[in-house]
């Protein structure tokens, strides 16, 4: 079982990117998915979360109103639409599947310990 991210790249400030997170060897629809990022010199942080059925979404304060998470369970893929990007969004972005046996408690979606399948990450660079 693995997750594969794609869609990263170089974009100018104010631009947009859409990241994808595809499941390989397992049904993503059975898992809540979190998006995380690690900026240079910083700890990895939770960015967004989407429940298994897509009815619950969460965002960190730093991306709220600019990023949108969605899922297409038929395509076995989760997406992160990122708009109004700034240099502070520069990071490696990861998606991760929440452990269904130990789901994150309320308010805990942004903590890595609740996720047990991780992608390899995709680089997003925002620069003029």
C-alpha atoms as a PDB file:
ATOM      1  CA  UNK A   1       0.000   0.000   0.000  1.00  0.00           C
ATOM      2  CA  UNK A   2       1.347   3.402  -0.940  1.00  0.00           C
ATOM      3  CA  UNK A   3       0.331   6.944  -1.720  1.00  0.00           C
ATOM      4  CA  UNK A   4       1.792   8.853  -4.648  1.00  0.00           C
ATOM      5  CA  UNK A   5       1.718  12.641  -4.781  1.00  0.00           C
ATOM      6  CA  UNK A   6       2.008  14.642  -7.977  1.00  0.00           C
ATOM      7  CA  UNK A   7       1.450  18.171  -9.227  1.00  0.00           C
ATOM      8  CA  UNK A   8       4.181  20.087  -7.465  1.00  0.00           C
ATOM      9  CA  UNK A   9       6.404  22.572  -9.241  1.00  0.00           C
ATOM     10  CA  UNK A  10       7.584  26.156  -9.481  1.00  0.00           C
ATOM     11  CA  UNK A  11       4.951  28.891  -9.455  1.00  0.00           C
ATOM     12  CA  UNK A  12       5.087  32.670  -9.092  1.00  0.00           C
ATOM     13  CA  UNK A  13       3.469  34.412  -6.115  1.00  0.00           C
ATOM     14  CA  UNK A  14      -0.276  34.649  -6.538  1.00  0.00           C
ATOM     15  CA  UNK A  15      -0.327  31.548  -8.684  1.00  0.00           C
ATOM     16  CA  UNK A  16      -2.068  28.230  -8.215  1.00  0.00           C
ATOM     17  CA  UNK A  17      -1.305  24.525  -8.239  1.00  0.00           C
ATOM     18  CA  UNK A  18      -3.341  21.379  -7.798  1.00  0.00           C
ATOM     19  CA  UNK A  19      -1.709  18.477  -6.029  1.00  0.00           C
ATOM     20  CA  UNK A  20      -2.981  14.937  -6.329  1.00  0.00           C
ATOM     21  CA  UNK A  21      -2.586  11.985  -3.998  1.00  0.00           C
ATOM     22  CA  UNK A  22      -3.293   8.615  -5.577  1.00  0.00           C
ATOM     23  CA  UNK A  23      -3.609   5.331  -3.776  1.00  0.00           C
ATOM     24  CA  UNK A  24      -1.650   2.352  -5.087  1.00  0.00           C
ATOM     25  CA  UNK A  25      -2.629  -1.092  -3.904  1.00  0.00           C
ATOM     26  CA  UNK A  26      -5.431  -0.021  -1.607  1.00  0.00           C
ATOM     27  CA  UNK A  27      -8.756   1.777  -1.664  1.00  0.00           C
ATOM     28  CA  UNK A  28      -8.258   5.380  -0.593  1.00  0.00           C
ATOM     29  CA  UNK A  29     -12.017   5.655  -0.020  1.00  0.00           C
ATOM     30  CA  UNK A  30     -11.614   3.671   3.194  1.00  0.00           C
ATOM     31  CA  UNK A  31      -9.295   6.268   4.695  1.00  0.00           C
ATOM     32  CA  UNK A  32      -9.402   9.824   5.841  1.00  0.00           C
ATOM     33  CA  UNK A  33      -6.517  11.703   4.224  1.00  0.00           C
ATOM     34  CA  UNK A  34      -4.325  14.445   5.591  1.00  0.00           C
ATOM     35  CA  UNK A  35      -2.070  16.833   3.728  1.00  0.00           C
ATOM     36  CA  UNK A  36       1.125  17.960   5.415  1.00  0.00           C
ATOM     37  CA  UNK A  37       4.059  20.107   4.405  1.00  0.00           C
ATOM     38  CA  UNK A  38       7.624  20.616   5.504  1.00  0.00           C
ATOM     39  CA  UNK A  39       9.192  23.961   4.748  1.00  0.00           C
ATOM     40  CA  UNK A  40      12.987  24.357   4.776  1.00  0.00           C
ATOM     41  CA  UNK A  41      14.254  24.386   8.343  1.00  0.00           C
ATOM     42  CA  UNK A  42      10.807  23.759   9.849  1.00  0.00           C
ATOM     43  CA  UNK A  43       8.845  20.908  11.328  1.00  0.00           C
ATOM     44  CA  UNK A  44       6.298  19.109   9.184  1.00  0.00           C
ATOM     45  CA  UNK A  45       2.868  20.639   9.757  1.00  0.00           C
ATOM     46  CA  UNK A  46      -0.691  19.626   8.995  1.00  0.00           C
ATOM     47  CA  UNK A  47      -2.261  21.644   6.187  1.00  0.00           C
ATOM     48  CA  UNK A  48      -5.593  20.000   5.448  1.00  0.00           C
ATOM     49  CA  UNK A  49      -7.733  16.953   6.156  1.00  0.00           C
ATOM     50  CA  UNK A  50     -10.651  15.267   4.487  1.00  0.00           C
ATOM     51  CA  UNK A  51     -12.844  12.534   5.936  1.00  0.00           C
ATOM     52  CA  UNK A  52     -13.486   9.234   4.176  1.00  0.00           C
ATOM     53  CA  UNK A  53     -16.734  10.398   2.654  1.00  0.00           C
ATOM     54  CA  UNK A  54     -15.554  13.936   2.035  1.00  0.00           C
ATOM     55  CA  UNK A  55     -18.149  15.573   4.233  1.00  0.00           C
ATOM     56  CA  UNK A  56     -15.646  16.867   6.776  1.00  0.00           C
ATOM     57  CA  UNK A  57     -12.715  19.058   5.776  1.00  0.00           C
ATOM     58  CA  UNK A  58     -10.175  20.857   7.930  1.00  0.00           C
ATOM     59  CA  UNK A  59      -7.557  23.499   7.192  1.00  0.00           C
ATOM     60  CA  UNK A  60      -4.731  25.112   9.053  1.00  0.00           C
ATOM     61  CA  UNK A  61      -5.123  28.823   9.691  1.00  0.00           C
ATOM     62  CA  UNK A  62      -2.270  29.602   7.327  1.00  0.00           C
ATOM     63  CA  UNK A  63      -4.074  28.141   4.289  1.00  0.00           C
ATOM     64  CA  UNK A  64      -7.746  28.585   5.170  1.00  0.00           C
ATOM     65  CA  UNK A  65      -9.577  30.368   2.377  1.00  0.00           C
ATOM     66  CA  UNK A  66      -6.827  29.663  -0.162  1.00  0.00           C
ATOM     67  CA  UNK A  67      -6.575  25.855  -0.242  1.00  0.00           C
ATOM     68  CA  UNK A  68      -9.361  23.388  -0.965  1.00  0.00           C
ATOM     69  CA  UNK A  69      -9.217  19.654  -0.369  1.00  0.00           C
ATOM     70  CA  UNK A  70     -11.435  17.249  -2.289  1.00  0.00           C
ATOM     71  CA  UNK A  71     -11.566  13.599  -3.117  1.00  0.00           C
ATOM     72  CA  UNK A  72     -12.668  11.431  -6.012  1.00  0.00           C
ATOM     73  CA  UNK A  73     -13.078   7.947  -4.628  1.00  0.00           C
ATOM     74  CA  UNK A  74     -13.859   6.552  -8.082  1.00  0.00           C
ATOM     75  CA  UNK A  75     -10.399   7.735  -9.203  1.00  0.00           C
ATOM     76  CA  UNK A  76      -8.915   6.613  -5.868  1.00  0.00           C
ATOM     77  CA  UNK A  77      -7.410  10.090  -5.557  1.00  0.00           C
ATOM     78  CA  UNK A  78      -7.440  13.057  -3.210  1.00  0.00           C
ATOM     79  CA  UNK A  79      -6.665  16.586  -4.403  1.00  0.00           C
ATOM     80  CA  UNK A  80      -5.364  19.760  -2.823  1.00  0.00           C
ATOM     81  CA  UNK A  81      -6.202  22.881  -4.798  1.00  0.00           C
ATOM     82  CA  UNK A  82      -3.860  25.704  -3.791  1.00  0.00           C
ATOM     83  CA  UNK A  83      -4.574  29.306  -4.773  1.00  0.00           C
ATOM     84  CA  UNK A  84      -3.025  32.696  -4.003  1.00  0.00           C
ATOM     85  CA  UNK A  85       0.279  31.029  -3.268  1.00  0.00           C
ATOM     86  CA  UNK A  86       2.979  32.944  -1.430  1.00  0.00           C
ATOM     87  CA  UNK A  87       6.675  32.200  -0.875  1.00  0.00           C
ATOM     88  CA  UNK A  88       5.706  31.017   2.624  1.00  0.00           C
ATOM     89  CA  UNK A  89       3.897  28.085   0.991  1.00  0.00           C
ATOM     90  CA  UNK A  90       7.192  26.757  -0.358  1.00  0.00           C
ATOM     91  CA  UNK A  91       7.605  23.253   1.045  1.00  0.00           C
ATOM     92  CA  UNK A  92       7.539  19.566   0.314  1.00  0.00           C
ATOM     93  CA  UNK A  93       3.905  18.496   0.452  1.00  0.00           C
ATOM     94  CA  UNK A  94       2.887  15.052   1.652  1.00  0.00           C
ATOM     95  CA  UNK A  95      -0.377  13.201   1.806  1.00  0.00           C
ATOM     96  CA  UNK A  96      -1.029  10.547   4.411  1.00  0.00           C
ATOM     97  CA  UNK A  97      -3.760   8.052   5.213  1.00  0.00           C
ATOM     98  CA  UNK A  98      -5.185   8.105   8.712  1.00  0.00           C
ATOM     99  CA  UNK A  99      -4.906   4.856  10.625  1.00  0.00           C
ATOM    100  CA  UNK A 100      -8.511   3.584  10.668  1.00  0.00           C
ATOM    101  CA  UNK A 101      -7.883   1.676  13.899  1.00  0.00           C
ATOM    102  CA  UNK A 102      -6.633   4.805  15.680  1.00  0.00           C
ATOM    103  CA  UNK A 103      -8.375   7.798  14.125  1.00  0.00           C
ATOM    104  CA  UNK A 104      -7.333  11.267  15.154  1.00  0.00           C
ATOM    105  CA  UNK A 105      -9.300  12.726  18.067  1.00  0.00           C
ATOM    106  CA  UNK A 106     -11.192  15.954  17.627  1.00  0.00           C
ATOM    107  CA  UNK A 107      -8.682  18.678  16.899  1.00  0.00           C
ATOM    108  CA  UNK A 108      -5.866  16.194  16.319  1.00  0.00           C
ATOM    109  CA  UNK A 109      -6.011  15.832  12.540  1.00  0.00           C
ATOM    110  CA  UNK A 110      -2.816  17.806  12.076  1.00  0.00           C
ATOM    111  CA  UNK A 111      -0.653  15.465  14.155  1.00  0.00           C
ATOM    112  CA  UNK A 112       1.503  12.979  12.243  1.00  0.00           C
ATOM    113  CA  UNK A 113       1.127  10.140  14.717  1.00  0.00           C
ATOM    114  CA  UNK A 114      -2.453   9.410  13.570  1.00  0.00           C
ATOM    115  CA  UNK A 115      -1.327   8.553  10.026  1.00  0.00           C
ATOM    116  CA  UNK A 116       0.318   5.323   8.985  1.00  0.00           C
ATOM    117  CA  UNK A 117       0.644   5.434   5.177  1.00  0.00           C
ATOM    118  CA  UNK A 118       2.672   8.301   3.713  1.00  0.00           C
ATOM    119  CA  UNK A 119       3.544   9.433   0.234  1.00  0.00           C
ATOM    120  CA  UNK A 120       7.033  10.398  -0.864  1.00  0.00           C
ATOM    121  CA  UNK A 121       6.206  14.094  -1.132  1.00  0.00           C
ATOM    122  CA  UNK A 122       6.125  16.621  -3.948  1.00  0.00           C
ATOM    123  CA  UNK A 123       8.056  19.889  -3.974  1.00  0.00           C
ATOM    124  CA  UNK A 124       6.173  23.172  -4.265  1.00  0.00           C
ATOM    125  CA  UNK A 125       8.263  26.289  -4.794  1.00  0.00           C
ATOM    126  CA  UNK A 126       6.705  29.746  -4.885  1.00  0.00           C
ATOM    127  CA  UNK A 127       9.130  32.312  -6.200  1.00  0.00           C
ATOM    128  CA  UNK A 128       9.332  35.191  -8.625  1.00  0.00           C
END
